[in-house]
Amino acid sequence: MEIQSAQKGTQPTAKKAKLVKQRELHKRIEQLEREAPHQLHGKRIVQGMEKPGNQSHIHIIVSRKDATNSVSLSPGSTYKASKVTINGKEVKRGFDRNQFYKDAEKVFDRMFAYNRNYVESYKARKLLKHKPTKFFLKVLQLPSNEKALALKLLKEQQVPVTTIPTNKVQLAIKALKQVKKGIDVGIRSSSIGY
């Protein structure tokens, strides 16, 4: 005598319930696909999907050691390029990332006759990351044509830049706006509801 019974997957009611669950699941998946935050041409971005625009880039593969297996080239090394004596033999070790970028930029600029703007340099990007105030002071000290190009490049790269006056007239206008803003705040704070 059976006390309990379970539905088999072959019974009609179990098959219908399974189909209903699958339909609900598919509807939910479609809804989530439509609501996905990162989309391209109305479709969710998935692995293997082609990116729009020019995707040219370079991969630089650096071995941990040089060809002679005596110099460590590891960019993740905790020590910079230096020499150390091991078993009475002087061995070079480390990797100077800053020097690598400086040399790579020089070679690229020379080979392709590229006139690199200050904001495109590794040195400038590093300064922007670590000391943004100093970076923007350097940008302000650039000659006017280079400064205009630098500000345009920063805007294209979506770097948050407050409006920086590029000449004396713009500086005067900015100063007057600040004075007006201060006067308005003073009037509002002393006002009794006018």
Protein backbone atom coordinates (compact mmCIF):
# COMPACT_ATOMS: atom_id res chain seq x y z
CA MET A 1 0.00 0.00 0.00
CA GLU A 2 1.35 3.46 -1.00
CA ILE A 3 0.98 6.31 1.46
CA GLN A 4 2.45 9.01 -0.76
CA SER A 5 2.82 9.37 -4.47
CA ALA A 6 5.06 11.67 -6.54
CA GLN A 7 4.40 13.03 -10.02
CA LYS A 8 6.38 11.34 -12.77
CA GLY A 9 7.78 13.55 -15.49
CA THR A 10 5.82 11.55 -18.04
CA GLN A 11 2.36 12.33 -16.64
CA PRO A 12 0.36 15.00 -18.53
CA THR A 13 -0.08 17.35 -15.52
CA ALA A 14 3.65 17.26 -14.75
CA LYS A 15 4.50 17.97 -18.41
CA LYS A 16 2.13 20.99 -18.47
CA ALA A 17 3.54 22.36 -15.23
CA LYS A 18 7.08 21.99 -16.59
CA LEU A 19 6.14 23.84 -19.82
CA VAL A 20 4.48 26.66 -17.86
CA LYS A 21 7.61 27.04 -15.69
CA GLN A 22 9.84 27.08 -18.80
CA ARG A 23 7.66 29.77 -20.46
CA GLU A 24 7.75 31.89 -17.30
CA LEU A 25 11.50 31.45 -17.09
CA HIS A 26 11.96 32.46 -20.76
CA LYS A 27 9.76 35.55 -20.24
CA ARG A 28 11.83 36.54 -17.20
CA ILE A 29 15.07 36.04 -19.12
CA GLU A 30 13.77 38.19 -22.02
CA GLN A 31 12.75 40.91 -19.53
CA LEU A 32 16.19 40.88 -17.92
CA GLU A 33 17.83 41.01 -21.37
CA ARG A 34 15.80 44.15 -22.22
CA GLU A 35 16.68 45.77 -18.87
CA ALA A 36 20.42 44.96 -19.02
CA PRO A 37 22.41 48.13 -18.28
CA HIS A 38 25.15 47.55 -20.87
CA GLN A 39 23.72 47.19 -24.36
CA LEU A 40 24.91 47.65 -27.90
CA HIS A 41 22.34 48.19 -30.67
CA GLY A 42 19.55 47.05 -28.30
CA LYS A 43 21.25 43.75 -27.41
CA ARG A 44 22.97 42.84 -24.16
CA ILE A 45 26.76 42.85 -24.46
CA VAL A 46 28.05 39.30 -24.27
CA GLN A 47 31.47 37.69 -24.59
CA GLY A 48 32.59 37.43 -28.21
CA MET A 49 30.39 40.32 -29.44
CA GLU A 50 32.28 42.62 -31.81
CA LYS A 51 33.01 46.13 -30.55
CA PRO A 52 32.14 49.09 -32.78
CA GLY A 53 34.80 51.44 -34.13
CA ASN A 54 38.52 51.08 -34.66
CA GLN A 55 39.91 48.51 -32.24
CA SER A 56 43.58 48.67 -33.30
CA HIS A 57 45.94 48.11 -30.40
CA ILE A 58 49.27 46.54 -29.53
CA HIS A 59 50.14 43.77 -27.10
CA ILE A 60 53.62 44.06 -25.61
CA ILE A 61 54.81 40.75 -24.27
CA VAL A 62 57.74 40.96 -21.91
CA SER A 63 59.49 37.88 -20.64
CA ARG A 64 60.24 37.68 -16.93
CA LYS A 65 63.93 37.33 -17.82
CA ASP A 66 65.96 38.57 -20.77
CA ALA A 67 67.44 36.31 -23.48
CA THR A 68 70.55 35.61 -21.38
CA ASN A 69 68.34 34.70 -18.39
CA SER A 70 70.41 37.03 -16.22
CA VAL A 71 68.25 40.19 -16.11
CA SER A 72 64.84 40.19 -14.44
CA LEU A 73 62.33 42.21 -16.48
CA SER A 74 59.27 41.65 -14.32
CA PRO A 75 57.05 44.77 -14.30
CA GLY A 76 55.49 43.51 -11.07
CA SER A 77 58.87 43.40 -9.38
CA THR A 78 59.00 45.12 -6.00
CA TYR A 79 62.37 46.64 -6.79
CA LYS A 80 63.31 48.95 -9.63
CA ALA A 81 66.11 48.30 -12.11
CA SER A 82 69.23 47.81 -10.05
CA LYS A 83 72.33 45.64 -9.74
CA VAL A 84 72.96 43.14 -6.97
CA THR A 85 75.83 40.75 -6.29
CA ILE A 86 74.81 37.08 -6.11
CA ASN A 87 77.50 34.44 -5.58
CA GLY A 88 80.20 36.98 -6.42
CA LYS A 89 78.57 37.83 -9.75
CA GLU A 90 76.90 41.20 -10.43
CA VAL A 91 73.35 40.61 -11.68
CA LYS A 92 70.88 43.17 -13.04
CA ARG A 93 67.36 42.90 -11.66
CA GLY A 94 64.05 44.74 -11.70
CA PHE A 95 62.09 46.69 -14.26
CA ASP A 96 61.77 50.46 -14.55
CA ARG A 97 58.21 50.97 -15.82
CA ASN A 98 58.58 54.76 -16.06
CA GLN A 99 61.70 54.47 -18.22
CA PHE A 100 60.02 51.80 -20.37
CA TYR A 101 57.06 54.09 -21.15
CA LYS A 102 59.31 57.09 -21.73
CA ASP A 103 61.48 55.12 -24.20
CA ALA A 104 58.43 53.52 -25.90
CA GLU A 105 56.81 56.93 -26.44
CA LYS A 106 60.07 58.33 -27.85
CA VAL A 107 60.48 55.44 -30.31
CA PHE A 108 56.80 55.58 -31.38
CA ASP A 109 56.87 59.36 -31.88
CA ARG A 110 60.08 59.17 -33.91
CA MET A 111 58.96 56.21 -36.07
CA PHE A 112 55.54 57.67 -36.92
CA ALA A 113 56.52 61.37 -36.81
CA TYR A 114 53.88 61.83 -34.11
CA ASN A 115 53.71 65.15 -32.29
CA ARG A 116 52.53 64.05 -28.83
CA ASN A 117 50.60 66.60 -26.76
CA TYR A 118 51.53 66.88 -23.07
CA VAL A 119 48.24 65.31 -21.87
CA GLU A 120 48.88 62.23 -24.05
CA SER A 121 52.19 61.43 -22.37
CA TYR A 122 52.63 58.75 -19.73
CA LYS A 123 54.24 61.31 -17.42
CA ALA A 124 51.14 63.54 -17.63
CA ARG A 125 48.68 60.64 -17.10
CA LYS A 126 50.67 59.55 -14.06
CA LEU A 127 50.67 63.12 -12.71
CA LEU A 128 46.89 63.39 -13.30
CA LYS A 129 46.32 60.19 -11.35
CA HIS A 130 48.54 61.03 -8.37
CA LYS A 131 48.61 64.87 -8.27
CA PRO A 132 45.70 66.30 -10.32
CA THR A 133 46.22 69.90 -9.11
CA LYS A 134 49.83 69.87 -10.30
CA PHE A 135 48.70 68.32 -13.60
CA PHE A 136 46.18 71.10 -14.31
CA LEU A 137 48.74 73.77 -13.36
CA LYS A 138 51.09 72.26 -15.96
CA VAL A 139 48.28 72.27 -18.55
CA LEU A 140 47.62 75.97 -17.81
CA GLN A 141 51.30 76.76 -18.37
CA LEU A 142 51.29 75.26 -21.88
CA PRO A 143 51.39 77.64 -24.88
CA SER A 144 47.84 78.71 -25.87
CA ASN A 145 47.56 76.48 -28.98
CA GLU A 146 48.85 73.41 -27.08
CA LYS A 147 46.61 74.26 -24.11
CA ALA A 148 43.53 74.42 -26.34
CA LEU A 149 44.40 71.04 -27.88
CA ALA A 150 45.12 69.58 -24.42
CA LEU A 151 41.72 70.71 -23.11
CA LYS A 152 40.03 69.28 -26.21
CA LEU A 153 41.79 65.93 -25.70
CA LEU A 154 40.83 65.87 -22.02
CA LYS A 155 37.21 66.55 -22.95
CA GLU A 156 37.27 63.71 -25.53
CA GLN A 157 38.73 61.38 -22.87
CA GLN A 158 35.89 62.49 -20.56
CA VAL A 159 38.29 63.75 -17.89
CA PRO A 160 36.28 66.02 -15.58
CA VAL A 161 37.69 69.48 -16.24
CA THR A 162 36.28 72.63 -14.75
CA THR A 163 36.25 75.57 -17.14
CA ILE A 164 39.79 76.83 -17.18
CA PRO A 165 40.21 80.38 -18.52
CA THR A 166 42.59 80.39 -21.48
CA ASN A 167 43.03 84.17 -21.74
CA LYS A 168 42.71 87.35 -19.64
CA VAL A 169 39.16 88.12 -20.82
CA GLN A 170 37.89 84.70 -19.76
CA LEU A 171 39.71 85.09 -16.44
CA ALA A 172 38.04 88.48 -15.84
CA ILE A 173 34.59 87.07 -16.72
CA LYS A 174 35.13 84.17 -14.34
CA ALA A 175 36.23 86.53 -11.55
CA LEU A 176 33.15 88.76 -12.09
CA LYS A 177 30.86 85.72 -11.95
CA GLN A 178 32.43 84.67 -8.65
CA VAL A 179 31.97 88.21 -7.23
CA LYS A 180 28.33 88.26 -8.40
CA LYS A 181 27.76 84.84 -6.83
CA GLY A 182 29.20 86.11 -3.53
CA ILE A 183 27.00 89.22 -3.60
CA ASP A 184 23.90 87.11 -4.34
CA VAL A 185 24.66 84.83 -1.37
CA GLY A 186 25.14 87.90 0.85
CA ILE A 187 21.84 89.43 -0.26
CA ARG A 188 19.94 86.15 0.26
CA SER A 189 21.43 85.56 3.70
CA SER A 190 20.57 89.10 4.92
CA SER A 191 17.11 89.07 3.34
CA ILE A 192 13.97 88.58 5.43
CA GLY A 193 11.97 87.05 2.65
CA TYR A 194 12.00 89.64 -0.12
